Amino acid sequence: MRKYTGELGLTIVAIIWGSGFVASAVSLEHYTPYQILAIRFLIGVILLTIVFFKKIKSIKRSTLIKGSIIGVFLYVAFALQTVGLQFTTPSKNAFLTAVNVVIVPFIAFFLYKRKMDRFELFGAVLAITGVGVLSLKLSAEVNIGDLLTLLCAVAFAFHIFYTAQFVRTEDPILLTVIQMVVAAILGVIVVLAKGETHFSVDVEGVSSLVYLGVFSTTIAFLLQTVAQKYTTETNAAIILSTEAFWGMVFSVLLLSEVLTGKMMIGAVLILVAIIISETKLSFFKKKSYEIKNTNG
């Protein structure tokens, strides 16, 4: 069971993020994108500090540095995604963000000369194809929003990659606390710089923000950091790319979106991608080995 701890944890993260699409849509009717980012990370800092106060007192310098690095990547990724969304469609934004699944193995290869696992690489390409089928509406136009979202995918890829590196030697909980603090500080600085200091206290807006802060931020990123200790960075990226699939599921269930054949094909491709990257098709090898033995 321990073997699948990481995969199970990351699947829960993807489900939470998928449900977060609905909460984000609601909160954007009441707040600016930068206000949402600042508040969700501040909620994360407050909750994590309350729960892990004793742990925080024994924090090491190396954890501070590494947590700050992934915190910067985290905020930059979210900010680029948010700004990109103002200039492109939500479906393109979701697809281009998910491109990080293909970028992660290349970061490992170019920065750390790590050999590419052909099953993981094929799974990554298949996953991105599935996300494309699931979320893209046919349009060849590329605009500034698309480019910003692509940069956001690069930032998310670095975030996933360095989280995988750092959890090997650092406490995942403390890494989560530090990255949340850094992201919150950057969020507050941006809100103050833009002069967006007036906040709505409408019940619908506040409740959607609380959901994003508690579930999509605090619980999801804590779980992601801990889970990445038990799997590879490419596997993590592939599983997290199912966020697009779960977003579709919650849109169908909660927003009465119509389920199309295109959505189902995309979902199947993502599922096959995960099976290939996780199992490396070992069940076929076993079968061929058994056939050989029975023939022999």
Protein backbone atom coordinates (compact mmCIF):
# COMPACT_ATOMS: atom_id res chain seq x y z
CA MET A 1 0.00 0.00 0.00
CA ARG A 2 2.90 2.36 0.85
CA LYS A 3 3.96 2.09 -2.81
CA TYR A 4 0.78 3.93 -3.85
CA THR A 5 0.75 6.53 -1.04
CA GLY A 6 2.08 9.24 -3.35
CA GLU A 7 -0.28 8.40 -6.21
CA LEU A 8 -3.34 8.34 -3.93
CA GLY A 9 -2.38 11.63 -2.28
CA LEU A 10 -1.80 13.37 -5.62
CA THR A 11 -5.11 12.03 -6.99
CA ILE A 12 -6.91 13.63 -4.03
CA VAL A 13 -5.04 16.88 -4.77
CA ALA A 14 -6.17 16.77 -8.42
CA ILE A 15 -9.79 16.16 -7.33
CA ILE A 16 -9.65 19.13 -4.91
CA TRP A 17 -8.14 21.38 -7.60
CA GLY A 18 -10.77 20.21 -10.08
CA SER A 19 -13.52 21.23 -7.65
CA GLY A 20 -11.68 24.53 -7.18
CA PHE A 21 -12.58 25.59 -10.75
CA VAL A 22 -16.17 26.13 -9.57
CA ALA A 23 -15.07 28.08 -6.46
CA SER A 24 -12.69 30.21 -8.57
CA ALA A 25 -15.46 31.07 -11.04
CA VAL A 26 -17.70 32.23 -8.16
CA SER A 27 -14.97 34.20 -6.34
CA LEU A 28 -13.95 36.04 -9.55
CA GLU A 29 -17.42 37.64 -9.53
CA HIS A 30 -16.54 39.36 -6.22
CA TYR A 31 -12.75 39.85 -6.16
CA THR A 32 -9.85 40.66 -8.48
CA PRO A 33 -7.54 37.74 -9.38
CA TYR A 34 -4.71 39.22 -7.27
CA GLN A 35 -6.96 39.61 -4.23
CA ILE A 36 -7.96 35.94 -4.55
CA LEU A 37 -4.30 34.83 -4.68
CA ALA A 38 -3.29 36.97 -1.68
CA ILE A 39 -6.22 35.86 0.47
CA ARG A 40 -6.03 32.13 -0.37
CA PHE A 41 -2.31 32.05 0.54
CA LEU A 42 -2.89 34.12 3.71
CA ILE A 43 -5.58 31.63 4.81
CA GLY A 44 -3.03 28.86 4.16
CA VAL A 45 -0.37 30.58 6.29
CA ILE A 46 -2.78 31.17 9.20
CA LEU A 47 -4.09 27.58 9.24
CA LEU A 48 -0.68 25.92 8.83
CA THR A 49 0.88 28.15 11.51
CA ILE A 50 -1.90 27.28 13.99
CA VAL A 51 -1.69 23.52 13.33
CA PHE A 52 2.12 23.19 13.08
CA PHE A 53 3.26 25.97 15.44
CA LYS A 54 5.56 23.69 17.50
CA LYS A 55 7.22 22.31 14.35
CA ILE A 56 7.87 25.79 12.92
CA LYS A 57 10.00 26.74 15.96
CA SER A 58 12.61 24.14 14.95
CA ILE A 59 12.91 25.20 11.30
CA LYS A 60 16.33 24.93 9.59
CA ARG A 61 18.04 27.47 7.31
CA SER A 62 18.10 24.97 4.41
CA THR A 63 14.30 24.49 4.72
CA LEU A 64 13.81 28.27 4.65
CA ILE A 65 15.84 28.58 1.44
CA LYS A 66 14.24 25.61 -0.35
CA GLY A 67 10.72 26.51 0.78
CA SER A 68 11.28 30.08 -0.48
CA ILE A 69 12.37 28.80 -3.90
CA ILE A 70 9.21 26.71 -4.43
CA GLY A 71 7.13 29.54 -2.91
CA VAL A 72 8.36 31.97 -5.57
CA PHE A 73 7.66 29.45 -8.37
CA LEU A 74 4.21 28.83 -6.88
CA TYR A 75 3.18 32.49 -6.80
CA VAL A 76 4.69 33.30 -10.21
CA ALA A 77 2.86 30.31 -11.77
CA PHE A 78 -0.50 31.32 -10.29
CA ALA A 79 -0.02 35.01 -11.20
CA LEU A 80 0.87 34.19 -14.83
CA GLN A 81 -2.09 31.80 -15.06
CA THR A 82 -4.43 34.45 -13.63
CA VAL A 83 -3.23 37.24 -15.92
CA GLY A 84 -3.22 34.85 -18.90
CA LEU A 85 -6.85 33.96 -18.21
CA GLN A 86 -7.83 37.59 -18.81
CA PHE A 87 -6.61 37.36 -22.44
CA THR A 88 -7.50 33.78 -23.42
CA THR A 89 -10.33 31.25 -22.97
CA PRO A 90 -10.63 29.13 -19.77
CA SER A 91 -10.30 25.94 -21.89
CA LYS A 92 -7.03 27.10 -23.48
CA ASN A 93 -5.80 28.31 -20.08
CA ALA A 94 -6.47 24.86 -18.54
CA PHE A 95 -4.81 23.06 -21.46
CA LEU A 96 -1.68 25.22 -21.62
CA THR A 97 -1.24 25.06 -17.82
CA ALA A 98 -1.30 21.24 -18.10
CA VAL A 99 1.61 21.39 -20.58
CA ASN A 100 3.82 21.29 -17.44
CA VAL A 101 3.33 17.51 -17.54
CA VAL A 102 5.59 17.33 -20.61
CA ILE A 103 8.09 19.95 -19.37
CA VAL A 104 8.95 18.18 -16.07
CA PRO A 105 10.93 15.21 -17.54
CA PHE A 106 12.91 17.64 -19.74
CA ILE A 107 13.89 19.74 -16.70
CA ALA A 108 15.19 16.55 -15.05
CA PHE A 109 17.09 15.63 -18.21
CA PHE A 110 18.70 19.02 -18.97
CA LEU A 111 19.43 20.21 -15.42
CA TYR A 112 20.29 16.92 -13.76
CA LYS A 113 21.15 14.70 -16.76
CA ARG A 114 18.54 12.26 -15.52
CA LYS A 115 17.68 9.58 -18.06
CA MET A 116 14.18 9.89 -19.48
CA ASP A 117 11.89 6.98 -18.72
CA ARG A 118 10.23 6.21 -22.07
CA PHE A 119 6.99 5.04 -20.43
CA GLU A 120 6.75 8.21 -18.31
CA LEU A 121 7.55 10.39 -21.33
CA PHE A 122 4.96 8.63 -23.51
CA GLY A 123 2.47 8.87 -20.64
CA ALA A 124 3.18 12.60 -20.34
CA VAL A 125 2.59 13.22 -24.07
CA LEU A 126 -0.58 11.09 -23.98
CA ALA A 127 -1.82 12.97 -20.89
CA ILE A 128 -1.34 16.35 -22.58
CA THR A 129 -3.15 15.02 -25.67
CA GLY A 130 -6.02 13.95 -23.41
CA VAL A 131 -6.16 17.35 -21.72
CA GLY A 132 -6.15 18.97 -25.18
CA VAL A 133 -9.08 16.85 -26.39
CA LEU A 134 -10.88 17.49 -23.09
CA SER A 135 -10.50 21.26 -22.92
CA LEU A 136 -9.55 22.78 -26.28
CA LYS A 137 -11.99 24.30 -28.68
CA LEU A 138 -10.51 24.33 -32.20
CA SER A 139 -8.75 27.66 -32.68
CA ALA A 140 -5.30 28.22 -34.15
CA GLU A 141 -4.95 31.77 -32.78
CA VAL A 142 -2.15 32.37 -30.28
CA ASN A 143 -2.33 35.54 -28.19
CA ILE A 144 -0.53 37.13 -25.24
CA GLY A 145 -2.79 35.19 -22.83
CA ASP A 146 -1.65 31.90 -24.36
CA LEU A 147 2.02 32.87 -24.05
CA LEU A 148 1.60 33.96 -20.40
CA THR A 149 -0.20 30.68 -19.63
CA LEU A 150 2.61 28.73 -21.29
CA LEU A 151 5.11 30.55 -19.03
CA CYS A 152 2.84 29.61 -16.11
CA ALA A 153 3.17 25.93 -17.16
CA VAL A 154 6.98 26.29 -17.07
CA ALA A 155 6.77 27.79 -13.55
CA PHE A 156 4.44 24.97 -12.39
CA ALA A 157 6.84 22.40 -13.91
CA PHE A 158 9.74 23.87 -11.90
CA HIS A 159 7.52 23.91 -8.80
CA ILE A 160 6.68 20.19 -9.19
CA PHE A 161 10.28 19.32 -10.03
CA TYR A 162 11.91 21.17 -7.12
CA THR A 163 9.25 19.99 -4.67
CA ALA A 164 10.25 16.41 -5.63
CA GLN A 165 13.95 17.28 -5.11
CA PHE A 166 13.53 19.07 -1.78
CA VAL A 167 11.18 16.61 -0.02
CA ARG A 168 13.96 14.01 -0.13
CA THR A 169 16.00 15.90 2.48
CA GLU A 170 13.53 18.34 4.09
CA ASP A 171 10.38 18.08 6.19
CA PRO A 172 7.43 18.29 3.72
CA ILE A 173 5.21 20.09 6.25
CA LEU A 174 7.79 22.83 6.93
CA LEU A 175 8.43 23.19 3.17
CA THR A 176 4.69 23.74 2.68
CA VAL A 177 4.53 26.36 5.45
CA ILE A 178 7.48 28.34 4.03
CA GLN A 179 6.27 28.23 0.42
CA MET A 180 2.85 29.42 1.62
CA VAL A 181 4.40 32.31 3.61
CA VAL A 182 6.50 33.42 0.59
CA ALA A 183 3.50 33.19 -1.79
CA ALA A 184 1.33 35.15 0.69
CA ILE A 185 3.97 37.91 1.08
CA LEU A 186 4.28 38.23 -2.71
CA GLY A 187 0.46 38.23 -2.99
CA VAL A 188 0.04 41.04 -0.45
CA ILE A 189 2.83 43.12 -2.08
CA VAL A 190 1.11 42.85 -5.50
CA VAL A 191 -2.33 43.76 -4.06
CA LEU A 192 -0.89 46.84 -2.27
CA ALA A 193 1.13 47.87 -5.35
CA LYS A 194 -2.02 47.68 -7.49
CA GLY A 195 -4.09 49.54 -4.88
CA GLU A 196 -6.70 46.76 -4.71
CA THR A 197 -7.34 47.21 -0.98
CA HIS A 198 -11.16 47.30 -1.03
CA PHE A 199 -12.59 43.85 -0.26
CA SER A 200 -16.18 42.65 -0.67
CA VAL A 201 -17.75 40.90 2.35
CA ASP A 202 -20.57 39.29 0.35
CA VAL A 203 -21.38 35.83 1.79
CA GLU A 204 -21.10 34.02 -1.57
CA GLY A 205 -17.71 35.64 -2.33
CA VAL A 206 -16.30 35.03 1.15
CA SER A 207 -17.43 31.38 1.27
CA SER A 208 -15.88 30.62 -2.15
CA LEU A 209 -12.61 32.27 -1.00
CA VAL A 210 -12.62 30.25 2.23
CA TYR A 211 -13.07 27.05 0.18
CA LEU A 212 -10.12 28.01 -2.06
CA GLY A 213 -7.99 28.93 0.96
CA VAL A 214 -8.77 25.86 3.08
CA PHE A 215 -9.11 23.09 0.49
CA SER A 216 -7.49 24.18 -2.81
CA THR A 217 -4.54 25.82 -1.05
CA THR A 218 -3.84 24.61 2.52
CA ILE A 219 -4.92 20.96 2.30
CA ALA A 220 -4.01 20.47 -1.39
CA PHE A 221 -0.46 21.87 -1.23
CA LEU A 222 0.30 20.16 2.09
CA LEU A 223 -0.87 16.86 0.59
CA GLN A 224 1.03 17.48 -2.67
CA THR A 225 4.31 18.15 -0.86
CA VAL A 226 3.98 15.07 1.38
CA ALA A 227 2.81 12.81 -1.49
CA GLN A 228 5.69 13.80 -3.77
CA LYS A 229 8.05 12.10 -1.32
CA TYR A 230 6.70 8.75 -2.56
CA THR A 231 6.70 9.09 -6.36
CA THR A 232 8.70 10.54 -9.26
CA GLU A 233 8.27 14.13 -10.42
CA THR A 234 6.99 12.99 -13.87
CA ASN A 235 4.39 10.68 -12.32
CA ALA A 236 3.36 13.54 -10.04
CA ALA A 237 2.90 15.87 -13.02
CA ILE A 238 0.84 13.26 -14.91
CA ILE A 239 -1.48 12.59 -11.96
CA LEU A 240 -1.87 16.33 -11.24
CA SER A 241 -2.83 16.88 -14.90
CA THR A 242 -6.08 14.99 -14.14
CA GLU A 243 -7.17 18.27 -12.53
CA ALA A 244 -8.65 19.09 -15.99
CA PHE A 245 -10.64 15.83 -15.91
CA TRP A 246 -11.95 16.49 -12.38
CA GLY A 247 -12.76 20.08 -13.37
CA MET A 248 -14.95 18.61 -16.13
CA VAL A 249 -16.62 16.18 -13.68
CA PHE A 250 -17.50 18.96 -11.22
CA SER A 251 -18.66 21.26 -14.03
CA VAL A 252 -21.05 18.51 -15.20
CA LEU A 253 -22.26 17.76 -11.64
CA LEU A 254 -22.47 21.29 -10.19
CA LEU A 255 -22.78 23.64 -13.15
CA SER A 256 -24.95 21.33 -15.33
CA GLU A 257 -22.41 21.32 -18.17
CA VAL A 258 -23.29 18.79 -20.90
CA LEU A 259 -21.00 15.74 -21.11
CA THR A 260 -19.78 15.34 -24.70
CA GLY A 261 -18.06 12.51 -26.60
CA LYS A 262 -14.97 14.73 -26.88
CA MET A 263 -14.81 15.03 -23.08
CA MET A 264 -15.06 11.26 -22.69
CA ILE A 265 -12.27 10.59 -25.23
CA GLY A 266 -10.02 13.10 -23.41
CA ALA A 267 -10.77 11.44 -20.07
CA VAL A 268 -9.90 7.97 -21.44
CA LEU A 269 -6.57 9.24 -22.89
CA ILE A 270 -5.61 10.74 -19.50
CA LEU A 271 -6.52 7.48 -17.73
CA VAL A 272 -4.45 5.40 -20.21
CA ALA A 273 -1.52 7.82 -19.74
CA ILE A 274 -1.57 7.25 -15.97
CA ILE A 275 -1.78 3.45 -16.38
CA ILE A 276 1.22 3.46 -18.78
CA SER A 277 3.41 5.72 -16.62
CA GLU A 278 2.52 3.92 -13.37
CA THR A 279 2.68 0.28 -14.50
CA LYS A 280 5.17 0.66 -17.42
CA LEU A 281 2.92 -2.01 -19.01
CA SER A 282 4.48 -4.64 -16.71
CA PHE A 283 1.30 -6.75 -16.91
CA PHE A 284 2.01 -7.36 -20.63
CA LYS A 285 5.55 -8.45 -19.80
CA LYS A 286 4.22 -10.85 -17.16
CA LYS A 287 1.74 -12.32 -19.64
CA SER A 288 4.36 -12.83 -22.34
CA TYR A 289 6.69 -14.39 -19.72
CA GLU A 290 3.88 -16.76 -18.60
CA ILE A 291 3.10 -17.70 -22.26
CA LYS A 292 6.80 -18.42 -22.87
CA ASN A 293 6.94 -20.61 -19.76
CA THR A 294 3.82 -22.57 -20.70
CA ASN A 295 5.14 -23.05 -24.23
CA GLY A 296 8.53 -23.98 -22.90
